[in-house]
Amino acid sequence: NPLKINDLASDMAPAVAAKVCGDKIYFYRVGFFGFQDTLWDESG
């Protein structure tokens, strides 16, 4: 991030910015930046 257009697809990989698993979580004016799998909102 940023991925260049001529990069090989094989170079792509999951690269998580945030994993969210807890319950009752509040994000206010928060940024999440990535390319593949940026925000993992897993449970809760």
ModelCIF file with pLDDT and N, C-alpha, C, O atoms, coordinates in Angstrom:
data_MODEL
#
_entry.id   MODEL 
#
_entity.id                         1 
_entity.type                       polymer 
_entity.pdbx_number_of_molecules   1 
#
_entity_poly.entity_id                      1 
_entity_poly.type                           'polypeptide(L)' 
_entity_poly.nstd_linkage                   no 
_entity_poly.nstd_monomer                   no 
_entity_poly.pdbx_seq_one_letter_code       NPLKINDLASDMAPAVAAKVCGDKIYFYRVGFFGFQDTLWDESG 
_entity_poly.pdbx_seq_one_letter_code_can   NPLKINDLASDMAPAVAAKVCGDKIYFYRVGFFGFQDTLWDESG 
_entity_poly.pdbx_strand_id                 A 
#
loop_
_entity_poly_seq.entity_id 
_entity_poly_seq.num 
_entity_poly_seq.mon_id 
_entity_poly_seq.hetero 
1 1  ASN n 
1 2  PRO n 
1 3  LEU n 
1 4  LYS n 
1 5  ILE n 
1 6  ASN n 
1 7  ASP n 
1 8  LEU n 
1 9  ALA n 
1 10 SER n 
1 11 ASP n 
1 12 MET n 
1 13 ALA n 
1 14 PRO n 
1 15 ALA n 
1 16 VAL n 
1 17 ALA n 
1 18 ALA n 
1 19 LYS n 
1 20 VAL n 
1 21 CYS n 
1 22 GLY n 
1 23 ASP n 
1 24 LYS n 
1 25 ILE n 
1 26 TYR n 
1 27 PHE n 
1 28 TYR n 
1 29 ARG n 
1 30 VAL n 
1 31 GLY n 
1 32 PHE n 
1 33 PHE n 
1 34 GLY n 
1 35 PHE n 
1 36 GLN n 
1 37 ASP n 
1 38 THR n 
1 39 LEU n 
1 40 TRP n 
1 41 ASP n 
1 42 GLU n 
1 43 SER n 
1 44 GLY n 
#
_struct_asym.id          A 
_struct_asym.entity_id   1 
#
loop_
_ma_qa_metric.id 
_ma_qa_metric.mode 
_ma_qa_metric.name 
_ma_qa_metric.software_group_id 
_ma_qa_metric.type 
1 global pLDDT . pLDDT 
2 local  pLDDT . pLDDT 
#
_ma_qa_metric_global.metric_id      1 
_ma_qa_metric_global.metric_value   87.07 
_ma_qa_metric_global.model_id       1 
_ma_qa_metric_global.ordinal_id     1 
#
loop_
_ma_qa_metric_local.label_asym_id 
_ma_qa_metric_local.label_comp_id 
_ma_qa_metric_local.label_seq_id 
_ma_qa_metric_local.metric_id 
_ma_qa_metric_local.metric_value 
_ma_qa_metric_local.model_id 
_ma_qa_metric_local.ordinal_id 
A ASN 1  2 77.00 1 1  
A PRO 2  2 71.00 1 2  
A LEU 3  2 68.00 1 3  
A LYS 4  2 59.00 1 4  
A ILE 5  2 53.00 1 5  
A ASN 6  2 54.00 1 6  
A ASP 7  2 58.00 1 7  
A LEU 8  2 53.00 1 8  
A ALA 9  2 54.00 1 9  
A SER 10 2 52.00 1 10 
A ASP 11 2 68.00 1 11 
A MET 12 2 79.00 1 12 
A ALA 13 2 86.00 1 13 
A PRO 14 2 90.00 1 14 
A ALA 15 2 94.00 1 15 
A VAL 16 2 97.00 1 16 
A ALA 17 2 97.00 1 17 
A ALA 18 2 98.00 1 18 
A LYS 19 2 98.00 1 19 
A VAL 20 2 98.00 1 20 
A CYS 21 2 97.00 1 21 
A GLY 22 2 97.00 1 22 
A ASP 23 2 98.00 1 23 
A LYS 24 2 98.00 1 24 
A ILE 25 2 98.00 1 25 
A TYR 26 2 98.00 1 26 
A PHE 27 2 98.00 1 27 
A TYR 28 2 97.00 1 28 
A ARG 29 2 96.00 1 29 
A VAL 30 2 97.00 1 30 
A GLY 31 2 97.00 1 31 
A PHE 32 2 98.00 1 32 
A PHE 33 2 97.00 1 33 
A GLY 34 2 95.00 1 34 
A PHE 35 2 94.00 1 35 
A GLN 36 2 94.00 1 36 
A ASP 37 2 96.00 1 37 
A THR 38 2 97.00 1 38 
A LEU 39 2 98.00 1 39 
A TRP 40 2 98.00 1 40 
A ASP 41 2 98.00 1 41 
A GLU 42 2 97.00 1 42 
A SER 43 2 97.00 1 43 
A GLY 44 2 97.00 1 44 
#
loop_
_atom_site.group_PDB 
_atom_site.id 
_atom_site.type_symbol 
_atom_site.label_atom_id 
_atom_site.label_alt_id 
_atom_site.label_comp_id 
_atom_site.label_asym_id 
_atom_site.label_entity_id 
_atom_site.label_seq_id 
_atom_site.pdbx_PDB_ins_code 
_atom_site.Cartn_x 
_atom_site.Cartn_y 
_atom_site.Cartn_z 
_atom_site.occupancy 
_atom_site.B_iso_or_equiv 
_atom_site.pdbx_formal_charge 
_atom_site.auth_seq_id 
_atom_site.auth_comp_id 
_atom_site.auth_asym_id 
_atom_site.auth_atom_id 
_atom_site.pdbx_PDB_model_num 
ATOM 1   N N  . ASN A 1 1  ? 0.842   -1.185  0.000   1.00 77.00 ? 1  ASN A N  1 
ATOM 2   C CA . ASN A 1 1  ? 0.000   0.000   0.000   1.00 77.00 ? 1  ASN A CA 1 
ATOM 3   C C  . ASN A 1 1  ? 0.890   1.252   0.000   1.00 77.00 ? 1  ASN A C  1 
ATOM 4   O O  . ASN A 1 1  ? 1.454   1.607   1.035   1.00 77.00 ? 1  ASN A O  1 
ATOM 5   N N  . PRO A 1 2  ? 1.016   1.915   -1.140  1.00 71.00 ? 2  PRO A N  1 
ATOM 6   C CA . PRO A 1 2  ? 0.269   1.622   -2.363  1.00 71.00 ? 2  PRO A CA 1 
ATOM 7   C C  . PRO A 1 2  ? 0.896   0.506   -3.194  1.00 71.00 ? 2  PRO A C  1 
ATOM 8   O O  . PRO A 1 2  ? 2.117   0.363   -3.249  1.00 71.00 ? 2  PRO A O  1 
ATOM 9   N N  . LEU A 1 3  ? 0.041   -0.275  -3.832  1.00 68.00 ? 3  LEU A N  1 
ATOM 10  C CA . LEU A 1 3  ? 0.494   -1.313  -4.759  1.00 68.00 ? 3  LEU A CA 1 
ATOM 11  C C  . LEU A 1 3  ? 0.678   -0.687  -6.133  1.00 68.00 ? 3  LEU A C  1 
ATOM 12  O O  . LEU A 1 3  ? -0.224  -0.024  -6.645  1.00 68.00 ? 3  LEU A O  1 
ATOM 13  N N  . LYS A 1 4  ? 1.830   -0.894  -6.720  1.00 59.00 ? 4  LYS A N  1 
ATOM 14  C CA . LYS A 1 4  ? 2.077   -0.358  -8.058  1.00 59.00 ? 4  LYS A CA 1 
ATOM 15  C C  . LYS A 1 4  ? 1.399   -1.249  -9.088  1.00 59.00 ? 4  LYS A C  1 
ATOM 16  O O  . LYS A 1 4  ? 1.363   -2.471  -8.944  1.00 59.00 ? 4  LYS A O  1 
ATOM 17  N N  . ILE A 1 5  ? 0.865   -0.621  -10.126 1.00 53.00 ? 5  ILE A N  1 
ATOM 18  C CA . ILE A 1 5  ? 0.049   -1.343  -11.102 1.00 53.00 ? 5  ILE A CA 1 
ATOM 19  C C  . ILE A 1 5  ? 0.810   -2.517  -11.716 1.00 53.00 ? 5  ILE A C  1 
ATOM 20  O O  . ILE A 1 5  ? 0.200   -3.543  -12.015 1.00 53.00 ? 5  ILE A O  1 
ATOM 21  N N  . ASN A 1 6  ? 2.098   -2.398  -11.909 1.00 54.00 ? 6  ASN A N  1 
ATOM 22  C CA . ASN A 1 6  ? 2.867   -3.457  -12.560 1.00 54.00 ? 6  ASN A CA 1 
ATOM 23  C C  . ASN A 1 6  ? 3.379   -4.530  -11.602 1.00 54.00 ? 6  ASN A C  1 
ATOM 24  O O  . ASN A 1 6  ? 4.046   -5.472  -12.031 1.00 54.00 ? 6  ASN A O  1 
ATOM 25  N N  . ASP A 1 7  ? 3.076   -4.400  -10.315 1.00 58.00 ? 7  ASP A N  1 
ATOM 26  C CA . ASP A 1 7  ? 3.475   -5.444  -9.367  1.00 58.00 ? 7  ASP A CA 1 
ATOM 27  C C  . ASP A 1 7  ? 2.749   -6.742  -9.692  1.00 58.00 ? 7  ASP A C  1 
ATOM 28  O O  . ASP A 1 7  ? 1.599   -6.724  -10.132 1.00 58.00 ? 7  ASP A O  1 
ATOM 29  N N  . LEU A 1 8  ? 3.419   -7.867  -9.475  1.00 53.00 ? 8  LEU A N  1 
ATOM 30  C CA . LEU A 1 8  ? 2.807   -9.161  -9.738  1.00 53.00 ? 8  LEU A CA 1 
ATOM 31  C C  . LEU A 1 8  ? 1.715   -9.445  -8.732  1.00 53.00 ? 8  LEU A C  1 
ATOM 32  O O  . LEU A 1 8  ? 1.824   -9.060  -7.568  1.00 53.00 ? 8  LEU A O  1 
ATOM 33  N N  . ALA A 1 9  ? 0.656   -10.119 -9.173  1.00 54.00 ? 9  ALA A N  1 
ATOM 34  C CA . ALA A 1 9  ? -0.431  -10.476 -8.269  1.00 54.00 ? 9  ALA A CA 1 
ATOM 35  C C  . ALA A 1 9  ? 0.063   -11.367 -7.141  1.00 54.00 ? 9  ALA A C  1 
ATOM 36  O O  . ALA A 1 9  ? -0.502  -11.359 -6.047  1.00 54.00 ? 9  ALA A O  1 
ATOM 37  N N  . SER A 1 10 ? 1.110   -12.130 -7.400  1.00 52.00 ? 10 SER A N  1 
ATOM 38  C CA . SER A 1 10 ? 1.642   -13.025 -6.372  1.00 52.00 ? 10 SER A CA 1 
ATOM 39  C C  . SER A 1 10 ? 2.241   -12.261 -5.205  1.00 52.00 ? 10 SER A C  1 
ATOM 40  O O  . SER A 1 10 ? 2.441   -12.824 -4.129  1.00 52.00 ? 10 SER A O  1 
ATOM 41  N N  . ASP A 1 11 ? 2.531   -10.972 -5.413  1.00 68.00 ? 11 ASP A N  1 
ATOM 42  C CA . ASP A 1 11 ? 3.067   -10.157 -4.329  1.00 68.00 ? 11 ASP A CA 1 
ATOM 43  C C  . ASP A 1 11 ? 1.994   -9.718  -3.352  1.00 68.00 ? 11 ASP A C  1 
ATOM 44  O O  . ASP A 1 11 ? 2.302   -9.275  -2.246  1.00 68.00 ? 11 ASP A O  1 
ATOM 45  N N  . MET A 1 12 ? 0.731   -9.838  -3.753  1.00 79.00 ? 12 MET A N  1 
ATOM 46  C CA . MET A 1 12 ? -0.356  -9.452  -2.865  1.00 79.00 ? 12 MET A CA 1 
ATOM 47  C C  . MET A 1 12 ? -0.517  -10.483 -1.759  1.00 79.00 ? 12 MET A C  1 
ATOM 48  O O  . MET A 1 12 ? -0.321  -11.679 -1.972  1.00 79.00 ? 12 MET A O  1 
ATOM 49  N N  . ALA A 1 13 ? -0.869  -10.013 -0.602  1.00 86.00 ? 13 ALA A N  1 
ATOM 50  C CA . ALA A 1 13 ? -1.068  -10.902 0.537   1.00 86.00 ? 13 ALA A CA 1 
ATOM 51  C C  . ALA A 1 13 ? -1.969  -10.208 1.540   1.00 86.00 ? 13 ALA A C  1 
ATOM 52  O O  . ALA A 1 13 ? -2.028  -8.978  1.562   1.00 86.00 ? 13 ALA A O  1 
ATOM 53  N N  . PRO A 1 14 ? -2.681  -10.973 2.379   1.00 90.00 ? 14 PRO A N  1 
ATOM 54  C CA . PRO A 1 14 ? -3.455  -10.342 3.449   1.00 90.00 ? 14 PRO A CA 1 
ATOM 55  C C  . PRO A 1 14 ? -2.545  -9.486  4.318   1.00 90.00 ? 14 PRO A C  1 
ATOM 56  O O  . PRO A 1 14 ? -1.495  -9.940  4.772   1.00 90.00 ? 14 PRO A O  1 
ATOM 57  N N  . ALA A 1 15 ? -2.951  -8.264  4.539   1.00 94.00 ? 15 ALA A N  1 
ATOM 58  C CA . ALA A 1 15 ? -2.168  -7.329  5.347   1.00 94.00 ? 15 ALA A CA 1 
ATOM 59  C C  . ALA A 1 15 ? -3.156  -6.472  6.128   1.00 94.00 ? 15 ALA A C  1 
ATOM 60  O O  . ALA A 1 15 ? -3.573  -5.406  5.675   1.00 94.00 ? 15 ALA A O  1 
ATOM 61  N N  . VAL A 1 16 ? -3.517  -6.956  7.300   1.00 97.00 ? 16 VAL A N  1 
ATOM 62  C CA . VAL A 1 16 ? -4.609  -6.377  8.083   1.00 97.00 ? 16 VAL A CA 1 
ATOM 63  C C  . VAL A 1 16 ? -4.134  -5.141  8.837   1.00 97.00 ? 16 VAL A C  1 
ATOM 64  O O  . VAL A 1 16 ? -3.080  -5.162  9.473   1.00 97.00 ? 16 VAL A O  1 
ATOM 65  N N  . ALA A 1 17 ? -4.914  -4.068  8.765   1.00 97.00 ? 17 ALA A N  1 
ATOM 66  C CA . ALA A 1 17 ? -4.619  -2.880  9.559   1.00 97.00 ? 17 ALA A CA 1 
ATOM 67  C C  . ALA A 1 17 ? -5.188  -3.014  10.966  1.00 97.00 ? 17 ALA A C  1 
ATOM 68  O O  . ALA A 1 17 ? -4.537  -2.632  11.939  1.00 97.00 ? 17 ALA A O  1 
ATOM 69  N N  . ALA A 1 18 ? -6.405  -3.556  11.080  1.00 98.00 ? 18 ALA A N  1 
ATOM 70  C CA . ALA A 1 18 ? -7.023  -3.702  12.396  1.00 98.00 ? 18 ALA A CA 1 
ATOM 71  C C  . ALA A 1 18 ? -7.865  -4.965  12.445  1.00 98.00 ? 18 ALA A C  1 
ATOM 72  O O  . ALA A 1 18 ? -8.633  -5.260  11.529  1.00 98.00 ? 18 ALA A O  1 
ATOM 73  N N  . LYS A 1 19 ? -7.705  -5.701  13.530  1.00 98.00 ? 19 LYS A N  1 
ATOM 74  C CA . LYS A 1 19 ? -8.545  -6.867  13.820  1.00 98.00 ? 19 LYS A CA 1 
ATOM 75  C C  . LYS A 1 19 ? -9.406  -6.531  15.025  1.00 98.00 ? 19 LYS A C  1 
ATOM 76  O O  . LYS A 1 19 ? -8.891  -6.137  16.072  1.00 98.00 ? 19 LYS A O  1 
ATOM 77  N N  . VAL A 1 20 ? -10.724 -6.687  14.879  1.00 98.00 ? 20 VAL A N  1 
ATOM 78  C CA . VAL A 1 20 ? -11.663 -6.286  15.921  1.00 98.00 ? 20 VAL A CA 1 
ATOM 79  C C  . VAL A 1 20 ? -12.461 -7.504  16.357  1.00 98.00 ? 20 VAL A C  1 
ATOM 80  O O  . VAL A 1 20 ? -13.279 -8.028  15.600  1.00 98.00 ? 20 VAL A O  1 
ATOM 81  N N  . CYS A 1 21 ? -12.217 -7.947  17.580  1.00 97.00 ? 21 CYS A N  1 
ATOM 82  C CA . CYS A 1 21 ? -12.862 -9.165  18.087  1.00 97.00 ? 21 CYS A CA 1 
ATOM 83  C C  . CYS A 1 21 ? -13.684 -8.937  19.349  1.00 97.00 ? 21 CYS A C  1 
ATOM 84  O O  . CYS A 1 21 ? -14.580 -9.728  19.644  1.00 97.00 ? 21 CYS A O  1 
ATOM 85  N N  . GLY A 1 22 ? -13.402 -7.887  20.093  1.00 97.00 ? 22 GLY A N  1 
ATOM 86  C CA . GLY A 1 22 ? -14.134 -7.654  21.331  1.00 97.00 ? 22 GLY A CA 1 
ATOM 87  C C  . GLY A 1 22 ? -15.554 -7.202  21.085  1.00 97.00 ? 22 GLY A C  1 
ATOM 88  O O  . GLY A 1 22 ? -15.916 -6.836  19.967  1.00 97.00 ? 22 GLY A O  1 
ATOM 89  N N  . ASP A 1 23 ? -16.361 -7.229  22.135  1.00 98.00 ? 23 ASP A N  1 
ATOM 90  C CA . ASP A 1 23 ? -17.754 -6.800  22.063  1.00 98.00 ? 23 ASP A CA 1 
ATOM 91  C C  . ASP A 1 23 ? -17.875 -5.373  22.584  1.00 98.00 ? 23 ASP A C  1 
ATOM 92  O O  . ASP A 1 23 ? -17.112 -4.949  23.452  1.00 98.00 ? 23 ASP A O  1 
ATOM 93  N N  . LYS A 1 24 ? -18.837 -4.648  22.047  1.00 98.00 ? 24 LYS A N  1 
ATOM 94  C CA . LYS A 1 24 ? -19.129 -3.269  22.471  1.00 98.00 ? 24 LYS A CA 1 
ATOM 95  C C  . LYS A 1 24 ? -17.915 -2.352  22.277  1.00 98.00 ? 24 LYS A C  1 
ATOM 96  O O  . LYS A 1 24 ? -17.307 -1.867  23.231  1.00 98.00 ? 24 LYS A O  1 
ATOM 97  N N  . ILE A 1 25 ? -17.598 -2.140  21.007  1.00 98.00 ? 25 ILE A N  1 
ATOM 98  C CA . ILE A 1 25 ? -16.468 -1.288  20.633  1.00 98.00 ? 25 ILE A CA 1 
ATOM 99  C C  . ILE A 1 25 ? -16.973 -0.167  19.729  1.00 98.00 ? 25 ILE A C  1 
ATOM 100 O O  . ILE A 1 25 ? -17.732 -0.405  18.790  1.00 98.00 ? 25 ILE A O  1 
ATOM 101 N N  . TYR A 1 26 ? -16.545 1.047   20.023  1.00 98.00 ? 26 TYR A N  1 
ATOM 102 C CA . TYR A 1 26 ? -17.017 2.243   19.331  1.00 98.00 ? 26 TYR A CA 1 
ATOM 103 C C  . TYR A 1 26 ? -15.801 2.957   18.725  1.00 98.00 ? 26 TYR A C  1 
ATOM 104 O O  . TYR A 1 26 ? -14.865 3.335   19.429  1.00 98.00 ? 26 TYR A O  1 
ATOM 105 N N  . PHE A 1 27 ? -15.847 3.130   17.392  1.00 98.00 ? 27 PHE A N  1 
ATOM 106 C CA . PHE A 1 27 ? -14.810 3.881   16.680  1.00 98.00 ? 27 PHE A CA 1 
ATOM 107 C C  . PHE A 1 27 ? -15.408 5.196   16.198  1.00 98.00 ? 27 PHE A C  1 
ATOM 108 O O  . PHE A 1 27 ? -16.414 5.200   15.488  1.00 98.00 ? 27 PHE A O  1 
ATOM 109 N N  . TYR A 1 28 ? -14.798 6.302   16.579  1.00 97.00 ? 28 TYR A N  1 
ATOM 110 C CA . TYR A 1 28 ? -15.307 7.623   16.224  1.00 97.00 ? 28 TYR A CA 1 
ATOM 111 C C  . TYR A 1 28 ? -14.202 8.419   15.537  1.00 97.00 ? 28 TYR A C  1 
ATOM 112 O O  . TYR A 1 28 ? -13.168 8.716   16.136  1.00 97.00 ? 28 TYR A O  1 
ATOM 113 N N  . ARG A 1 29 ? -14.434 8.757   14.281  1.00 96.00 ? 29 ARG A N  1 
ATOM 114 C CA . ARG A 1 29 ? -13.446 9.480   13.463  1.00 96.00 ? 29 ARG A CA 1 
ATOM 115 C C  . ARG A 1 29 ? -12.096 8.757   13.462  1.00 96.00 ? 29 ARG A C  1 
ATOM 116 O O  . ARG A 1 29 ? -11.055 9.321   13.798  1.00 96.00 ? 29 ARG A O  1 
ATOM 117 N N  . VAL A 1 30 ? -12.164 7.503   13.074  1.00 97.00 ? 30 VAL A N  1 
ATOM 118 C CA . VAL A 1 30 ? -10.982 6.647   13.020  1.00 97.00 ? 30 VAL A CA 1 
ATOM 119 C C  . VAL A 1 30 ? -10.732 6.245   11.575  1.00 97.00 ? 30 VAL A C  1 
ATOM 120 O O  . VAL A 1 30 ? -11.678 6.050   10.812  1.00 97.00 ? 30 VAL A O  1 
ATOM 121 N N  . GLY A 1 31 ? -9.457  6.119   11.191  1.00 97.00 ? 31 GLY A N  1 
ATOM 122 C CA . GLY A 1 31 ? -9.097  5.707   9.844   1.00 97.00 ? 31 GLY A CA 1 
ATOM 123 C C  . GLY A 1 31 ? -8.468  4.321   9.849   1.00 97.00 ? 31 GLY A C  1 
ATOM 124 O O  . GLY A 1 31 ? -7.716  3.960   10.755  1.00 97.00 ? 31 GLY A O  1 
ATOM 125 N N  . PHE A 1 32 ? -8.800  3.548   8.803   1.00 98.00 ? 32 PHE A N  1 
ATOM 126 C CA . PHE A 1 32 ? -8.225  2.223   8.603   1.00 98.00 ? 32 PHE A CA 1 
ATOM 127 C C  . PHE A 1 32 ? -7.709  2.168   7.166   1.00 98.00 ? 32 PHE A C  1 
ATOM 128 O O  . PHE A 1 32 ? -8.490  2.315   6.225   1.00 98.00 ? 32 PHE A O  1 
ATOM 129 N N  . PHE A 1 33 ? -6.408  1.959   6.986   1.00 97.00 ? 33 PHE A N  1 
ATOM 130 C CA . PHE A 1 33 ? -5.806  2.071   5.666   1.00 97.00 ? 33 PHE A CA 1 
ATOM 131 C C  . PHE A 1 33 ? -4.983  0.823   5.354   1.00 97.00 ? 33 PHE A C  1 
ATOM 132 O O  . PHE A 1 33 ? -4.115  0.421   6.130   1.00 97.00 ? 33 PHE A O  1 
ATOM 133 N N  . GLY A 1 34 ? -5.274  0.227   4.212   1.00 95.00 ? 34 GLY A N  1 
ATOM 134 C CA . GLY A 1 34 ? -4.542  -0.943  3.754   1.00 95.00 ? 34 GLY A CA 1 
ATOM 135 C C  . GLY A 1 34 ? -4.864  -1.205  2.308   1.00 95.00 ? 34 GLY A C  1 
ATOM 136 O O  . GLY A 1 34 ? -5.394  -0.337  1.614   1.00 95.00 ? 34 GLY A O  1 
ATOM 137 N N  . PHE A 1 35 ? -4.546  -2.405  1.847   1.00 94.00 ? 35 PHE A N  1 
ATOM 138 C CA . PHE A 1 35 ? -4.838  -2.773  0.466   1.00 94.00 ? 35 PHE A CA 1 
ATOM 139 C C  . PHE A 1 35 ? -5.710  -4.019  0.413   1.00 94.00 ? 35 PHE A C  1 
ATOM 140 O O  . PHE A 1 35 ? -6.810  -3.983  -0.138  1.00 94.00 ? 35 PHE A O  1 
ATOM 141 N N  . GLN A 1 36 ? -5.229  -5.118  0.980   1.00 94.00 ? 36 GLN A N  1 
ATOM 142 C CA . GLN A 1 36 ? -6.022  -6.339  1.044   1.00 94.00 ? 36 GLN A CA 1 
ATOM 143 C C  . GLN A 1 36 ? -6.329  -6.661  2.498   1.00 94.00 ? 36 GLN A C  1 
ATOM 144 O O  . GLN A 1 36 ? -5.428  -6.699  3.336   1.00 94.00 ? 36 GLN A O  1 
ATOM 145 N N  . ASP A 1 37 ? -7.624  -6.898  2.800   1.00 96.00 ? 37 ASP A N  1 
ATOM 146 C CA . ASP A 1 37 ? -8.057  -7.272  4.155   1.00 96.00 ? 37 ASP A CA 1 
ATOM 147 C C  . ASP A 1 37 ? -7.749  -6.178  5.176   1.00 96.00 ? 37 ASP A C  1 
ATOM 148 O O  . ASP A 1 37 ? -7.222  -6.465  6.251   1.00 96.00 ? 37 ASP A O  1 
ATOM 149 N N  . THR A 1 38 ? -8.069  -4.953  4.853   1.00 97.00 ? 38 THR A N  1 
ATOM 150 C CA . THR A 1 38 ? -7.733  -3.820  5.731   1.00 97.00 ? 38 THR A CA 1 
ATOM 151 C C  . THR A 1 38 ? -8.349  -3.947  7.117   1.00 97.00 ? 38 THR A C  1 
ATOM 152 O O  . THR A 1 38 ? -7.636  -3.914  8.120   1.00 97.00 ? 38 THR A O  1 
ATOM 153 N N  . LEU A 1 39 ? -9.667  -4.091  7.178   1.00 98.00 ? 39 LEU A N  1 
ATOM 154 C CA . LEU A 1 39 ? -10.387 -4.116  8.449   1.00 98.00 ? 39 LEU A CA 1 
ATOM 155 C C  . LEU A 1 39 ? -11.016 -5.492  8.646   1.00 98.00 ? 39 LEU A C  1 
ATOM 156 O O  . LEU A 1 39 ? -11.927 -5.889  7.919   1.00 98.00 ? 39 LEU A O  1 
ATOM 157 N N  . TRP A 1 40 ? -10.510 -6.198  9.636   1.00 98.00 ? 40 TRP A N  1 
ATOM 158 C CA . TRP A 1 40 ? -11.015 -7.531  9.962   1.00 98.00 ? 40 TRP A CA 1 
ATOM 159 C C  . TRP A 1 40 ? -11.979 -7.394  11.139  1.00 98.00 ? 40 TRP A C  1 
ATOM 160 O O  . TRP A 1 40 ? -11.564 -7.423  12.298  1.00 98.00 ? 40 TRP A O  1 
ATOM 161 N N  . ASP A 1 41 ? -13.248 -7.247  10.837  1.00 98.00 ? 41 ASP A N  1 
ATOM 162 C CA . ASP A 1 41 ? -14.283 -7.147  11.860  1.00 98.00 ? 41 ASP A CA 1 
ATOM 163 C C  . ASP A 1 41 ? -14.787 -8.569  12.126  1.00 98.00 ? 41 ASP A C  1 
ATOM 164 O O  . ASP A 1 41 ? -15.734 -9.042  11.498  1.00 98.00 ? 41 ASP A O  1 
ATOM 165 N N  . GLU A 1 42 ? -14.135 -9.221  13.060  1.00 97.00 ? 42 GLU A N  1 
ATOM 166 C CA . GLU A 1 42 ? -14.283 -10.670 13.191  1.00 97.00 ? 42 GLU A CA 1 
ATOM 167 C C  . GLU A 1 42 ? -15.464 -11.092 14.056  1.00 97.00 ? 42 GLU A C  1 
ATOM 168 O O  . GLU A 1 42 ? -16.204 -11.998 13.674  1.00 97.00 ? 42 GLU A O  1 
ATOM 169 N N  . SER A 1 43 ? -15.660 -10.462 15.207  1.00 97.00 ? 43 SER A N  1 
ATOM 170 C CA . SER A 1 43 ? -16.757 -10.884 16.090  1.00 97.00 ? 43 SER A CA 1 
ATOM 171 C C  . SER A 1 43 ? -17.075 -9.755  17.061  1.00 97.00 ? 43 SER A C  1 
ATOM 172 O O  . SER A 1 43 ? -16.246 -8.882  17.318  1.00 97.00 ? 43 SER A O  1 
ATOM 173 N N  . GLY A 1 44 ? -18.288 -9.790  17.592  1.00 97.00 ? 44 GLY A N  1 
ATOM 174 C CA . GLY A 1 44 ? -18.724 -8.770  18.527  1.00 97.00 ? 44 GLY A CA 1 
ATOM 175 C C  . GLY A 1 44 ? -19.507 -7.665  17.845  1.00 97.00 ? 44 GLY A C  1 
ATOM 176 O O  . GLY A 1 44 ? -19.948 -6.723  18.504  1.00 97.00 ? 44 GLY A O  1 
#
